[in-house]
């Protein structure tokens, strides 16, 4: 099962992956350790020292990853000051960072399924409202679950009338 290429994408020799959205996303995320810093922000970590302690990374590595994520727009940097202390900064997820959550949930789920820890499953995500397992899935705008073999990739200019291919 593969993604079907439609419209101008159908001729694979006429386009390249140079401006691929996946490549742009990976560039925004940066090195794998930056994704761990971002994950830590999802767990509520916002202060530099807590990132360093929780991740077991060096201060210089955390500094570099936080700078990258702020520059990419995934985290914001907000000043705070404890009484009698110098100004420091907290890091918070932006809308852009929050919108990445389904992708990270998918990575977490995939890792648990295909790269299991020797001691078994390490993480389960459940819905706070009902207790059911949280799963990542691809859906169309009408709410249908979509498998890889049911996906057609085309340019927006190749589609008309709700996604039907232009003739």
C-alpha atoms as a PDB file:
ATOM      1  CA  UNK A   1       0.000   0.000   0.000  1.00  0.00           C
ATOM      2  CA  UNK A   2       1.379   3.352  -1.005  1.00  0.00           C
ATOM      3  CA  UNK A   3       0.190   6.920  -1.400  1.00  0.00           C
ATOM      4  CA  UNK A   4      -1.173   7.593  -4.882  1.00  0.00           C
ATOM      5  CA  UNK A   5       0.409  10.512  -6.701  1.00  0.00           C
ATOM      6  CA  UNK A   6      -2.163  12.651  -8.527  1.00  0.00           C
ATOM      7  CA  UNK A   7      -2.144  15.765 -10.696  1.00  0.00           C
ATOM      8  CA  UNK A   8       1.314  17.120 -11.453  1.00  0.00           C
ATOM      9  CA  UNK A   9       2.761  14.809  -8.776  1.00  0.00           C
ATOM     10  CA  UNK A  10       1.817  11.779 -10.923  1.00  0.00           C
ATOM     11  CA  UNK A  11       4.911  12.337 -13.091  1.00  0.00           C
ATOM     12  CA  UNK A  12       7.551  11.604 -10.444  1.00  0.00           C
ATOM     13  CA  UNK A  13      10.332  12.869 -12.731  1.00  0.00           C
ATOM     14  CA  UNK A  14       8.954  16.445 -12.776  1.00  0.00           C
ATOM     15  CA  UNK A  15       9.239  17.301  -9.069  1.00  0.00           C
ATOM     16  CA  UNK A  16      11.709  16.800  -6.259  1.00  0.00           C
ATOM     17  CA  UNK A  17      11.638  16.468  -2.492  1.00  0.00           C
ATOM     18  CA  UNK A  18      13.590  19.738  -2.095  1.00  0.00           C
ATOM     19  CA  UNK A  19      10.561  21.610  -0.739  1.00  0.00           C
ATOM     20  CA  UNK A  20       8.859  18.628   0.890  1.00  0.00           C
ATOM     21  CA  UNK A  21       6.658  19.467   3.909  1.00  0.00           C
ATOM     22  CA  UNK A  22       8.192  16.542   5.810  1.00  0.00           C
ATOM     23  CA  UNK A  23      11.700  17.942   5.226  1.00  0.00           C
ATOM     24  CA  UNK A  24      10.545  21.399   6.368  1.00  0.00           C
ATOM     25  CA  UNK A  25       8.965  19.879   9.496  1.00  0.00           C
ATOM     26  CA  UNK A  26      12.102  17.925  10.368  1.00  0.00           C
ATOM     27  CA  UNK A  27      14.196  21.081   9.897  1.00  0.00           C
ATOM     28  CA  UNK A  28      11.855  22.963  12.256  1.00  0.00           C
ATOM     29  CA  UNK A  29      12.117  20.185  14.834  1.00  0.00           C
ATOM     30  CA  UNK A  30      15.901  20.034  14.612  1.00  0.00           C
ATOM     31  CA  UNK A  31      17.965  17.193  16.034  1.00  0.00           C
ATOM     32  CA  UNK A  32      16.242  14.347  17.912  1.00  0.00           C
ATOM     33  CA  UNK A  33      17.251  15.850  21.244  1.00  0.00           C
ATOM     34  CA  UNK A  34      15.195  18.958  20.377  1.00  0.00           C
ATOM     35  CA  UNK A  35      12.124  16.736  20.076  1.00  0.00           C
ATOM     36  CA  UNK A  36      12.851  15.461  23.589  1.00  0.00           C
ATOM     37  CA  UNK A  37      13.010  19.064  24.833  1.00  0.00           C
ATOM     38  CA  UNK A  38       9.703  19.747  23.084  1.00  0.00           C
ATOM     39  CA  UNK A  39       8.187  16.608  24.623  1.00  0.00           C
ATOM     40  CA  UNK A  40       9.283  17.815  28.034  1.00  0.00           C
ATOM     41  CA  UNK A  41       7.381  21.071  27.391  1.00  0.00           C
ATOM     42  CA  UNK A  42       4.245  18.967  26.775  1.00  0.00           C
ATOM     43  CA  UNK A  43       4.749  17.515  30.265  1.00  0.00           C
ATOM     44  CA  UNK A  44       4.611  21.023  31.720  1.00  0.00           C
ATOM     45  CA  UNK A  45       8.315  21.748  32.055  1.00  0.00           C
ATOM     46  CA  UNK A  46       8.975  25.425  31.443  1.00  0.00           C
ATOM     47  CA  UNK A  47      12.157  26.378  33.312  1.00  0.00           C
ATOM     48  CA  UNK A  48      15.676  25.843  32.052  1.00  0.00           C
ATOM     49  CA  UNK A  49      16.990  23.994  35.102  1.00  0.00           C
ATOM     50  CA  UNK A  50      14.042  21.608  35.004  1.00  0.00           C
ATOM     51  CA  UNK A  51      14.729  20.798  31.329  1.00  0.00           C
ATOM     52  CA  UNK A  52      18.370  20.065  32.179  1.00  0.00           C
ATOM     53  CA  UNK A  53      17.475  17.898  35.201  1.00  0.00           C
ATOM     54  CA  UNK A  54      14.585  16.018  33.600  1.00  0.00           C
ATOM     55  CA  UNK A  55      16.386  15.306  30.337  1.00  0.00           C
ATOM     56  CA  UNK A  56      19.839  14.577  31.757  1.00  0.00           C
ATOM     57  CA  UNK A  57      21.348  16.779  29.037  1.00  0.00           C
ATOM     58  CA  UNK A  58      24.124  19.322  29.414  1.00  0.00           C
ATOM     59  CA  UNK A  59      23.207  22.966  29.927  1.00  0.00           C
ATOM     60  CA  UNK A  60      24.807  23.901  26.610  1.00  0.00           C
ATOM     61  CA  UNK A  61      22.789  21.245  24.749  1.00  0.00           C
ATOM     62  CA  UNK A  62      19.516  22.364  26.360  1.00  0.00           C
ATOM     63  CA  UNK A  63      20.350  26.004  25.617  1.00  0.00           C
ATOM     64  CA  UNK A  64      20.964  25.193  21.946  1.00  0.00           C
ATOM     65  CA  UNK A  65      17.761  23.143  21.635  1.00  0.00           C
ATOM     66  CA  UNK A  66      15.605  25.771  23.373  1.00  0.00           C
ATOM     67  CA  UNK A  67      17.030  28.503  21.115  1.00  0.00           C
ATOM     68  CA  UNK A  68      16.285  26.378  18.067  1.00  0.00           C
ATOM     69  CA  UNK A  69      12.703  25.633  19.143  1.00  0.00           C
ATOM     70  CA  UNK A  70      12.049  29.314  19.945  1.00  0.00           C
ATOM     71  CA  UNK A  71      13.473  30.391  16.579  1.00  0.00           C
ATOM     72  CA  UNK A  72      11.356  27.750  14.822  1.00  0.00           C
ATOM     73  CA  UNK A  73       8.243  29.154  16.556  1.00  0.00           C
ATOM     74  CA  UNK A  74       7.413  26.004  18.532  1.00  0.00           C
ATOM     75  CA  UNK A  75       8.210  27.531  21.933  1.00  0.00           C
ATOM     76  CA  UNK A  76       7.996  31.079  23.256  1.00  0.00           C
ATOM     77  CA  UNK A  77      10.482  32.567  25.705  1.00  0.00           C
ATOM     78  CA  UNK A  78       8.888  34.553  28.543  1.00  0.00           C
ATOM     79  CA  UNK A  79      10.774  36.461  31.259  1.00  0.00           C
ATOM     80  CA  UNK A  80      10.083  35.861  34.951  1.00  0.00           C
ATOM     81  CA  UNK A  81      11.817  37.020  38.106  1.00  0.00           C
ATOM     82  CA  UNK A  82      11.852  35.514  41.582  1.00  0.00           C
ATOM     83  CA  UNK A  83      12.081  38.134  44.390  1.00  0.00           C
ATOM     84  CA  UNK A  84      15.689  39.196  44.810  1.00  0.00           C
ATOM     85  CA  UNK A  85      16.865  37.219  41.778  1.00  0.00           C
ATOM     86  CA  UNK A  86      17.877  38.200  38.244  1.00  0.00           C
ATOM     87  CA  UNK A  87      15.459  37.899  35.340  1.00  0.00           C
ATOM     88  CA  UNK A  88      15.214  34.378  33.956  1.00  0.00           C
ATOM     89  CA  UNK A  89      13.104  32.828  31.213  1.00  0.00           C
ATOM     90  CA  UNK A  90      10.368  30.242  30.957  1.00  0.00           C
ATOM     91  CA  UNK A  91       9.561  28.366  27.773  1.00  0.00           C
ATOM     92  CA  UNK A  92       5.990  27.703  26.712  1.00  0.00           C
ATOM     93  CA  UNK A  93       4.427  25.869  23.799  1.00  0.00           C
ATOM     94  CA  UNK A  94       3.065  28.164  21.109  1.00  0.00           C
ATOM     95  CA  UNK A  95      -0.025  27.338  19.034  1.00  0.00           C
ATOM     96  CA  UNK A  96       2.384  25.979  16.429  1.00  0.00           C
ATOM     97  CA  UNK A  97       3.990  23.765  19.082  1.00  0.00           C
ATOM     98  CA  UNK A  98       0.640  22.595  20.454  1.00  0.00           C
ATOM     99  CA  UNK A  99      -0.566  21.750  16.938  1.00  0.00           C
ATOM    100  CA  UNK A 100       2.348  19.330  16.630  1.00  0.00           C
ATOM    101  CA  UNK A 101       0.948  17.129  19.438  1.00  0.00           C
ATOM    102  CA  UNK A 102      -0.811  14.593  17.162  1.00  0.00           C
ATOM    103  CA  UNK A 103       2.469  13.983  15.345  1.00  0.00           C
ATOM    104  CA  UNK A 104       4.344  13.373  18.603  1.00  0.00           C
ATOM    105  CA  UNK A 105       1.538  11.114  19.857  1.00  0.00           C
ATOM    106  CA  UNK A 106       1.911   9.149  16.626  1.00  0.00           C
ATOM    107  CA  UNK A 107       5.677   8.847  17.105  1.00  0.00           C
ATOM    108  CA  UNK A 108       5.184   7.729  20.693  1.00  0.00           C
ATOM    109  CA  UNK A 109       2.599   5.133  19.678  1.00  0.00           C
ATOM    110  CA  UNK A 110       4.748   3.864  16.807  1.00  0.00           C
ATOM    111  CA  UNK A 111       7.783   3.579  19.084  1.00  0.00           C
ATOM    112  CA  UNK A 112       5.845   1.611  21.689  1.00  0.00           C
ATOM    113  CA  UNK A 113       4.511  -0.762  19.013  1.00  0.00           C
ATOM    114  CA  UNK A 114       7.628  -1.315  16.905  1.00  0.00           C
ATOM    115  CA  UNK A 115      10.575  -0.486  19.153  1.00  0.00           C
ATOM    116  CA  UNK A 116       9.494  -1.991  22.461  1.00  0.00           C
ATOM    117  CA  UNK A 117      11.558  -1.575  25.587  1.00  0.00           C
ATOM    118  CA  UNK A 118      13.039  -4.807  26.920  1.00  0.00           C
ATOM    119  CA  UNK A 119      10.794  -4.498  29.993  1.00  0.00           C
ATOM    120  CA  UNK A 120       7.658  -4.109  27.881  1.00  0.00           C
ATOM    121  CA  UNK A 121       5.390  -1.167  27.255  1.00  0.00           C
ATOM    122  CA  UNK A 122       6.642   2.003  28.949  1.00  0.00           C
ATOM    123  CA  UNK A 123       3.903   4.496  28.042  1.00  0.00           C
ATOM    124  CA  UNK A 124       0.140   4.454  27.657  1.00  0.00           C
ATOM    125  CA  UNK A 125      -1.842   7.510  26.689  1.00  0.00           C
ATOM    126  CA  UNK A 126      -5.456   7.573  27.809  1.00  0.00           C
ATOM    127  CA  UNK A 127      -8.314  10.026  27.418  1.00  0.00           C
ATOM    128  CA  UNK A 128      -8.888  11.850  30.729  1.00  0.00           C
ATOM    129  CA  UNK A 129     -12.617  12.059  29.947  1.00  0.00           C
ATOM    130  CA  UNK A 130     -13.368   8.353  29.535  1.00  0.00           C
ATOM    131  CA  UNK A 131     -10.157   6.397  30.166  1.00  0.00           C
ATOM    132  CA  UNK A 132      -9.961   4.899  26.660  1.00  0.00           C
ATOM    133  CA  UNK A 133      -6.570   4.549  24.970  1.00  0.00           C
ATOM    134  CA  UNK A 134      -5.499   7.490  22.819  1.00  0.00           C
ATOM    135  CA  UNK A 135      -4.428   6.477  19.304  1.00  0.00           C
ATOM    136  CA  UNK A 136      -3.060   8.475  16.407  1.00  0.00           C
ATOM    137  CA  UNK A 137      -4.825   8.042  13.107  1.00  0.00           C
ATOM    138  CA  UNK A 138      -5.257   9.780   9.791  1.00  0.00           C
ATOM    139  CA  UNK A 139      -8.745  11.088   9.021  1.00  0.00           C
ATOM    140  CA  UNK A 140     -10.214  13.036   6.148  1.00  0.00           C
ATOM    141  CA  UNK A 141     -12.030  16.322   6.763  1.00  0.00           C
ATOM    142  CA  UNK A 142     -15.346  14.398   6.720  1.00  0.00           C
ATOM    143  CA  UNK A 143     -14.177  12.216   9.633  1.00  0.00           C
ATOM    144  CA  UNK A 144     -13.385   8.949   7.802  1.00  0.00           C
ATOM    145  CA  UNK A 145     -10.353   6.937   8.918  1.00  0.00           C
ATOM    146  CA  UNK A 146      -7.940   6.870   5.974  1.00  0.00           C
ATOM    147  CA  UNK A 147      -5.346   4.172   5.299  1.00  0.00           C
ATOM    148  CA  UNK A 148      -2.120   4.860   3.420  1.00  0.00           C
ATOM    149  CA  UNK A 149      -3.490   3.155   0.294  1.00  0.00           C
ATOM    150  CA  UNK A 150      -6.467   5.538   0.300  1.00  0.00           C
ATOM    151  CA  UNK A 151      -4.386   8.734   0.237  1.00  0.00           C
ATOM    152  CA  UNK A 152      -3.889  10.739  -2.961  1.00  0.00           C
ATOM    153  CA  UNK A 153      -1.190  13.427  -2.949  1.00  0.00           C
ATOM    154  CA  UNK A 154      -1.783  16.311  -5.320  1.00  0.00           C
ATOM    155  CA  UNK A 155      -1.183  20.022  -5.423  1.00  0.00           C
ATOM    156  CA  UNK A 156      -4.041  22.286  -4.279  1.00  0.00           C
ATOM    157  CA  UNK A 157      -4.204  23.644  -7.836  1.00  0.00           C
ATOM    158  CA  UNK A 158      -4.841  20.079  -9.125  1.00  0.00           C
ATOM    159  CA  UNK A 159      -8.005  19.633  -7.029  1.00  0.00           C
ATOM    160  CA  UNK A 160     -11.491  21.050  -7.506  1.00  0.00           C
ATOM    161  CA  UNK A 161     -14.938  20.272  -6.083  1.00  0.00           C
ATOM    162  CA  UNK A 162     -13.948  18.896  -2.682  1.00  0.00           C
ATOM    163  CA  UNK A 163     -10.857  17.079  -3.818  1.00  0.00           C
ATOM    164  CA  UNK A 164     -11.924  15.628  -7.173  1.00  0.00           C
ATOM    165  CA  UNK A 165      -9.050  15.731  -9.615  1.00  0.00           C
ATOM    166  CA  UNK A 166      -9.170  18.473 -12.249  1.00  0.00           C
ATOM    167  CA  UNK A 167      -9.446  17.247 -15.820  1.00  0.00           C
END
